[in-house]
Amino acid sequence: MKKLIAVAVALVGFTNHPSRAEDKVDFARQIRPILEQNCVKCHGPEKQKAKLRLDSKEAAMKGGKDGAIIVAGKADKSEMYRRITLPKGDDDIMPNEGDPLTREQTDLIRDWINQGAEWPEVAAAKQSEPSNPLAGLPPDFKPGANEAKAAAKIAQLGVDLRPIAMNIHWTEANFRPQGTSVTDAAIAPLKDVTSLTDLNLAGTKITDAGLATAEGLTYLTRLHLELTSITDAGLAHLKSLTNLNYLNLYGTAVTDSGLEHLKGLHKLKHLYVWQTKVTEAGVKNLKAALPGLEISTGAELTAVAKKEDDTKKEEKKEEKK
């Protein structure tokens, strides 16, 4: 159970992992979510650190400025595997922001590489969709007059308002490291940061009322609300965020009723509702309104936990014989 919770808190992919090294790893179900959650932000369409992209097979296999990072069939020779297994705090660790990958995730990537690093092409319907959530935002946008003052107030909390990439006016803010010291009052200055496209409020003490600050952030494409006290009432403040592409509600008290507030967010593609009060019926109802939305409920992890428990029980029975 502790192992399962560790995976959940990291919130990277909601994927299961092979119970034996020889089990075939499913790229679409097990590897792609890890890359999308942890790697594509810095190595994707929005920015490419070290000239590396990990959002397509061709780009990933080509590598970056230092050459190939994946050697099919040889995880021990792959720079990607070396970096994701470095100790926390190492200058070269990947990802270099947020929590390191869990042991389960690094093992998955290791096994995937050793099995040939197969990367099936996505369906044509998926390829036709814009891969960059910023593509629809106005290129001639200019920050408001009060944005600099708001950024200064936020900096006093130890949070930097920074560009998501070089020579781009769109910004991001991550309050997660400050945790429970972040309250509704602390995020109030955000109402003037209209350039904000990526906001992480995970693990903070914001409330439904405080989320009203986000109503005017209409260019927001990514929003982390996991492990907060947000409820259905808070989601009502998100109706105006029509550019939202990613929303994480893991560990909140949101119910099916709250999902009703999301039906007008037609650009929403990724939603995480594990350990909420959302039911299968609510998921089905929302997907009917937003057919292109991928909703992760954590069902995969629950199945893995049960499988592992069953395996351990069988092993104990064999030992007693």
Protein backbone atom coordinates (compact mmCIF):
# COMPACT_ATOMS: atom_id res chain seq x y z
CA MET A 1 0.00 0.00 0.00
CA LYS A 2 2.87 2.41 0.78
CA LYS A 3 4.30 1.75 -2.66
CA LEU A 4 0.96 2.57 -4.25
CA ILE A 5 0.62 5.84 -2.35
CA ALA A 6 4.12 6.89 -3.39
CA VAL A 7 3.15 6.47 -7.02
CA ALA A 8 -0.06 8.40 -6.50
CA VAL A 9 1.54 11.39 -4.78
CA ALA A 10 4.04 11.67 -7.59
CA LEU A 11 1.06 11.70 -9.94
CA VAL A 12 2.98 10.64 -12.93
CA GLY A 13 0.98 8.71 -15.36
CA PHE A 14 -1.28 6.57 -13.22
CA THR A 15 0.32 3.56 -14.90
CA ASN A 16 0.84 0.00 -13.85
CA HIS A 17 4.16 -1.79 -14.12
CA PRO A 18 5.27 -5.32 -14.99
CA SER A 19 5.25 -7.71 -12.09
CA ARG A 20 8.08 -9.61 -13.80
CA ALA A 21 10.95 -8.26 -15.89
CA GLU A 22 9.91 -10.32 -18.89
CA ASP A 23 6.38 -8.86 -19.03
CA LYS A 24 5.82 -6.82 -22.17
CA VAL A 25 5.65 -3.08 -21.50
CA ASP A 26 2.80 -1.26 -23.22
CA PHE A 27 4.18 2.07 -24.49
CA ALA A 28 0.82 3.81 -24.96
CA ARG A 29 -0.54 2.79 -21.56
CA GLN A 30 2.59 2.76 -19.42
CA ILE A 31 5.40 4.84 -20.96
CA ARG A 32 3.69 7.68 -22.83
CA PRO A 33 1.88 8.96 -19.67
CA ILE A 34 5.21 9.14 -17.81
CA LEU A 35 6.78 11.15 -20.61
CA GLU A 36 3.79 13.48 -20.91
CA GLN A 37 3.64 14.13 -17.17
CA ASN A 38 7.35 14.58 -16.53
CA CYS A 39 9.32 15.20 -19.71
CA VAL A 40 7.33 16.93 -22.44
CA LYS A 41 7.01 20.18 -20.52
CA CYS A 42 10.76 20.81 -20.98
CA HIS A 43 11.29 18.61 -24.04
CA GLY A 44 8.27 19.18 -26.22
CA PRO A 45 6.62 21.68 -28.56
CA GLU A 46 6.75 24.57 -26.09
CA LYS A 47 10.46 24.35 -25.28
CA GLN A 48 13.34 21.99 -26.02
CA LYS A 49 16.05 21.97 -23.37
CA ALA A 50 19.34 20.70 -24.78
CA LYS A 51 17.59 20.60 -28.18
CA LEU A 52 15.79 17.45 -27.08
CA ARG A 53 12.14 16.57 -27.72
CA LEU A 54 10.35 13.60 -26.22
CA ASP A 55 6.89 14.12 -27.66
CA SER A 56 7.40 12.00 -30.78
CA LYS A 57 9.22 8.81 -31.72
CA GLU A 58 11.34 10.44 -34.42
CA ALA A 59 12.53 13.26 -32.16
CA ALA A 60 13.17 11.04 -29.14
CA MET A 61 15.24 8.54 -31.09
CA LYS A 62 17.22 11.35 -32.72
CA GLY A 63 18.25 12.72 -29.35
CA GLY A 64 19.47 16.20 -28.45
CA LYS A 65 22.59 18.30 -28.69
CA ASP A 66 24.62 15.58 -26.95
CA GLY A 67 23.40 12.82 -29.24
CA ALA A 68 21.08 9.84 -28.79
CA ILE A 69 19.62 9.23 -25.34
CA ILE A 70 17.87 5.91 -26.09
CA VAL A 71 19.77 2.82 -27.24
CA ALA A 72 17.10 0.26 -28.10
CA GLY A 73 17.72 -3.01 -26.29
CA LYS A 74 20.31 -1.53 -23.94
CA ALA A 75 19.00 0.49 -21.01
CA ASP A 76 22.45 0.43 -19.37
CA LYS A 77 23.83 2.24 -22.43
CA SER A 78 20.96 4.74 -22.63
CA GLU A 79 21.56 8.27 -21.34
CA MET A 80 17.85 8.63 -20.65
CA TYR A 81 17.84 5.74 -18.17
CA ARG A 82 21.06 6.96 -16.53
CA ARG A 83 19.61 10.39 -15.91
CA ILE A 84 16.26 9.28 -14.50
CA THR A 85 18.05 7.06 -11.98
CA LEU A 86 20.48 9.69 -10.68
CA PRO A 87 20.09 10.69 -7.00
CA LYS A 88 17.79 13.60 -6.18
CA GLY A 89 19.67 16.88 -6.33
CA ASP A 90 22.14 15.78 -8.99
CA ASP A 91 22.59 18.50 -11.62
CA ASP A 92 21.93 16.02 -14.45
CA ILE A 93 18.85 14.26 -13.05
CA MET A 94 15.75 14.05 -15.21
CA PRO A 95 13.27 15.50 -14.61
CA ASN A 96 15.18 18.40 -13.10
CA GLU A 97 12.00 19.99 -11.73
CA GLY A 98 9.61 18.47 -9.22
CA ASP A 99 9.93 15.00 -7.74
CA PRO A 100 12.19 12.33 -9.28
CA LEU A 101 10.50 9.39 -10.96
CA THR A 102 9.55 6.56 -8.66
CA ARG A 103 11.37 3.23 -8.76
CA GLU A 104 8.35 1.71 -10.48
CA GLN A 105 8.53 4.28 -13.27
CA THR A 106 12.28 4.00 -13.83
CA ASP A 107 11.93 0.21 -13.91
CA LEU A 108 9.20 0.54 -16.51
CA ILE A 109 11.39 2.70 -18.72
CA ARG A 110 14.33 0.34 -18.23
CA ASP A 111 12.26 -2.67 -19.27
CA TRP A 112 10.76 -0.76 -22.20
CA ILE A 113 14.22 0.15 -23.52
CA ASN A 114 15.57 -3.37 -22.98
CA GLN A 115 12.59 -4.78 -24.88
CA GLY A 116 13.48 -2.69 -27.93
CA ALA A 117 12.02 0.73 -27.07
CA GLU A 118 8.99 0.16 -29.29
CA TRP A 119 7.08 3.40 -29.92
CA PRO A 120 3.91 2.79 -31.95
CA GLU A 121 2.74 5.72 -34.02
CA VAL A 122 -0.38 7.45 -32.75
CA ALA A 123 -3.61 7.16 -34.70
CA ALA A 124 -4.15 9.59 -37.55
CA ALA A 125 -6.99 11.27 -35.69
CA LYS A 126 -4.60 12.08 -32.87
CA GLN A 127 -1.91 13.36 -35.22
CA SER A 128 -4.30 15.88 -36.72
CA GLU A 129 -4.85 17.52 -33.35
CA PRO A 130 -2.61 20.44 -32.33
CA SER A 131 0.18 19.10 -30.10
CA ASN A 132 0.95 22.50 -28.64
CA PRO A 133 -1.71 23.87 -26.22
CA LEU A 134 -0.26 27.36 -26.73
CA ALA A 135 -0.90 27.28 -30.46
CA GLY A 136 -4.29 28.96 -30.13
CA LEU A 137 -3.13 31.81 -27.90
CA PRO A 138 -2.69 35.31 -29.39
CA PRO A 139 0.88 35.87 -30.66
CA ASP A 140 0.64 39.63 -30.14
CA PHE A 141 -0.25 39.40 -26.42
CA LYS A 142 1.23 42.02 -24.10
CA PRO A 143 1.30 41.72 -20.27
CA GLY A 144 -0.93 44.10 -18.30
CA ALA A 145 0.37 47.17 -16.52
CA ASN A 146 0.10 45.58 -13.07
CA GLU A 147 1.82 42.30 -13.93
CA ALA A 148 5.30 43.38 -12.81
CA LYS A 149 3.98 44.48 -9.39
CA ALA A 150 2.08 41.20 -9.02
CA ALA A 151 5.23 39.24 -9.89
CA ALA A 152 7.16 41.13 -7.21
CA LYS A 153 4.57 40.23 -4.56
CA ILE A 154 4.66 36.59 -5.58
CA ALA A 155 8.46 36.59 -5.46
CA GLN A 156 8.26 37.50 -1.78
CA LEU A 157 6.84 34.01 -1.22
CA GLY A 158 9.81 32.45 -2.96
CA VAL A 159 7.85 31.81 -6.15
CA ASP A 160 9.27 33.07 -9.42
CA LEU A 161 7.00 34.07 -12.26
CA ARG A 162 9.09 32.94 -15.21
CA PRO A 163 8.76 32.53 -18.97
CA ILE A 164 7.93 28.98 -20.02
CA ALA A 165 10.75 29.22 -22.60
CA MET A 166 13.24 31.69 -24.00
CA ASN A 167 11.84 34.58 -26.04
CA ILE A 168 8.26 33.69 -25.08
CA HIS A 169 6.01 36.07 -23.14
CA TRP A 170 3.84 33.31 -21.64
CA THR A 171 4.69 32.50 -18.01
CA GLU A 172 4.42 29.79 -15.35
CA ALA A 173 4.23 29.77 -11.54
CA ASN A 174 4.80 26.83 -9.22
CA PHE A 175 3.53 27.21 -5.63
CA ARG A 176 3.83 23.51 -4.79
CA PRO A 177 7.23 23.71 -3.02
CA GLN A 178 5.76 26.24 -0.56
CA GLY A 179 3.00 23.76 0.32
CA THR A 180 0.58 24.64 3.10
CA SER A 181 2.09 28.09 3.62
CA VAL A 182 0.26 29.16 0.45
CA THR A 183 -3.22 30.53 1.20
CA ASP A 184 -5.92 32.34 -0.74
CA ALA A 185 -4.33 35.67 0.19
CA ALA A 186 -0.95 34.52 -1.12
CA ILE A 187 -2.25 33.80 -4.61
CA ALA A 188 -4.46 36.90 -4.82
CA PRO A 189 -1.88 38.85 -6.89
CA LEU A 190 -2.21 36.26 -9.65
CA LYS A 191 -5.36 38.01 -10.87
CA ASP A 192 -3.10 40.54 -12.58
CA VAL A 193 -0.77 37.97 -14.16
CA THR A 194 -2.67 37.56 -17.40
CA SER A 195 0.35 36.02 -19.14
CA LEU A 196 0.09 32.93 -16.92
CA THR A 197 -0.38 29.66 -18.84
CA ASP A 198 0.88 27.11 -16.29
CA LEU A 199 -0.14 27.24 -12.63
CA ASN A 200 0.73 24.66 -9.96
CA LEU A 201 -1.20 24.96 -6.68
CA ALA A 202 -0.84 21.32 -5.63
CA GLY A 203 -0.59 20.68 -1.90
CA THR A 204 -1.41 24.26 -0.94
CA LYS A 205 -4.13 25.54 1.41
CA ILE A 206 -6.17 27.33 -1.21
CA THR A 207 -9.94 27.10 -0.90
CA ASP A 208 -12.87 27.28 -3.30
CA ALA A 209 -13.15 31.01 -2.63
CA GLY A 210 -9.47 31.54 -3.38
CA LEU A 211 -9.79 29.84 -6.73
CA ALA A 212 -11.85 32.80 -7.87
CA THR A 213 -8.47 34.45 -8.47
CA ALA A 214 -8.06 32.21 -11.52
CA GLU A 215 -11.26 33.36 -13.22
CA GLY A 216 -9.47 36.07 -15.19
CA LEU A 217 -6.53 33.88 -16.22
CA THR A 218 -8.15 33.01 -19.50
CA TYR A 219 -4.90 31.95 -21.18
CA LEU A 220 -4.20 29.25 -18.61
CA THR A 221 -3.50 25.89 -20.29
CA ARG A 222 -2.32 23.79 -17.31
CA LEU A 223 -3.66 23.80 -13.75
CA HIS A 224 -2.58 21.59 -10.82
CA LEU A 225 -5.06 21.42 -7.92
CA GLU A 226 -4.17 17.99 -6.56
CA LEU A 227 -4.14 17.41 -2.80
CA THR A 228 -6.04 20.62 -2.03
CA SER A 229 -9.40 21.23 -0.35
CA ILE A 230 -11.05 22.23 -3.62
CA THR A 231 -14.64 21.01 -4.07
CA ASP A 232 -17.34 21.29 -6.71
CA ALA A 233 -17.88 24.94 -5.77
CA GLY A 234 -14.28 25.72 -6.67
CA LEU A 235 -14.61 24.23 -10.12
CA ALA A 236 -17.33 26.74 -10.88
CA HIS A 237 -14.56 29.36 -11.08
CA LEU A 238 -12.91 27.49 -13.97
CA LYS A 239 -15.70 27.98 -16.50
CA SER A 240 -13.92 30.91 -18.12
CA LEU A 241 -10.66 29.00 -18.64
CA THR A 242 -11.52 27.99 -22.18
CA ASN A 243 -7.86 27.39 -23.13
CA LEU A 244 -7.33 24.84 -20.36
CA ASN A 245 -5.68 21.68 -21.71
CA TYR A 246 -4.64 19.91 -18.49
CA LEU A 247 -6.37 19.74 -15.08
CA ASN A 248 -5.28 17.66 -12.09
CA LEU A 249 -7.85 17.09 -9.32
CA TYR A 250 -6.26 14.07 -7.62
CA GLY A 251 -7.05 13.79 -3.91
CA THR A 252 -9.75 16.48 -3.84
CA ALA A 253 -13.40 16.26 -2.74
CA VAL A 254 -14.75 16.86 -6.25
CA THR A 255 -17.85 14.87 -7.27
CA ASP A 256 -19.77 14.22 -10.47
CA SER A 257 -21.61 17.51 -9.93
CA GLY A 258 -18.33 19.39 -10.10
CA LEU A 259 -17.52 17.90 -13.48
CA GLU A 260 -20.59 19.66 -14.87
CA HIS A 261 -18.65 22.92 -14.64
CA LEU A 262 -16.03 21.56 -17.04
CA LYS A 263 -18.32 20.74 -19.95
CA GLY A 264 -17.63 24.04 -21.71
CA LEU A 265 -13.85 23.56 -21.69
CA HIS A 266 -13.55 22.11 -25.18
CA LYS A 267 -9.74 22.30 -25.28
CA LEU A 268 -9.40 20.15 -22.16
CA LYS A 269 -7.51 16.97 -23.10
CA HIS A 270 -6.14 15.58 -19.82
CA LEU A 271 -8.07 15.28 -16.53
CA TYR A 272 -6.98 13.41 -13.39
CA VAL A 273 -9.63 12.48 -10.83
CA TRP A 274 -8.08 9.61 -8.87
CA GLN A 275 -9.08 9.45 -5.19
CA THR A 276 -11.91 11.94 -5.66
CA LYS A 277 -15.65 11.30 -5.32
CA VAL A 278 -16.13 11.13 -9.06
CA THR A 279 -17.92 7.96 -10.24
CA GLU A 280 -17.81 6.00 -13.47
CA ALA A 281 -21.14 7.53 -14.37
CA GLY A 282 -19.71 11.03 -13.96
CA VAL A 283 -16.72 10.17 -16.12
CA LYS A 284 -18.96 8.77 -18.84
CA ASN A 285 -21.18 11.85 -18.72
CA LEU A 286 -18.25 14.26 -19.10
CA LYS A 287 -16.66 12.26 -21.91
CA ALA A 288 -19.97 12.43 -23.79
CA ALA A 289 -19.67 16.23 -23.70
CA LEU A 290 -15.92 16.25 -24.38
CA PRO A 291 -15.15 13.20 -26.59
CA GLY A 292 -11.48 14.08 -26.96
CA LEU A 293 -10.85 14.20 -23.20
CA GLU A 294 -8.67 11.56 -21.53
CA ILE A 295 -9.75 11.00 -17.92
CA SER A 296 -7.46 9.11 -15.53
CA THR A 297 -9.33 7.59 -12.59
CA GLY A 298 -6.53 5.50 -11.09
CA ALA A 299 -8.32 2.27 -11.92
CA GLU A 300 -5.09 0.93 -13.39
CA LEU A 301 -3.21 1.34 -10.11
CA THR A 302 -6.00 -0.30 -8.16
CA ALA A 303 -5.82 -3.28 -10.47
CA VAL A 304 -2.05 -3.47 -10.08
CA ALA A 305 -2.27 -3.34 -6.30
CA LYS A 306 -4.78 -6.20 -6.30
CA LYS A 307 -2.62 -8.20 -8.69
CA GLU A 308 0.43 -7.72 -6.46
CA ASP A 309 -1.53 -8.71 -3.34
CA ASP A 310 -2.82 -11.82 -5.07
CA THR A 311 0.69 -12.71 -6.23
CA LYS A 312 2.08 -12.35 -2.71
CA LYS A 313 -0.69 -14.53 -1.32
CA GLU A 314 0.07 -17.23 -3.88
CA GLU A 315 3.79 -17.05 -3.07
CA LYS A 316 3.07 -17.46 0.64
CA LYS A 317 0.87 -20.48 -0.07
CA GLU A 318 3.70 -22.03 -2.09
CA GLU A 319 6.17 -21.40 0.73
CA LYS A 320 3.93 -23.19 3.23
CA LYS A 321 3.71 -26.31 1.06
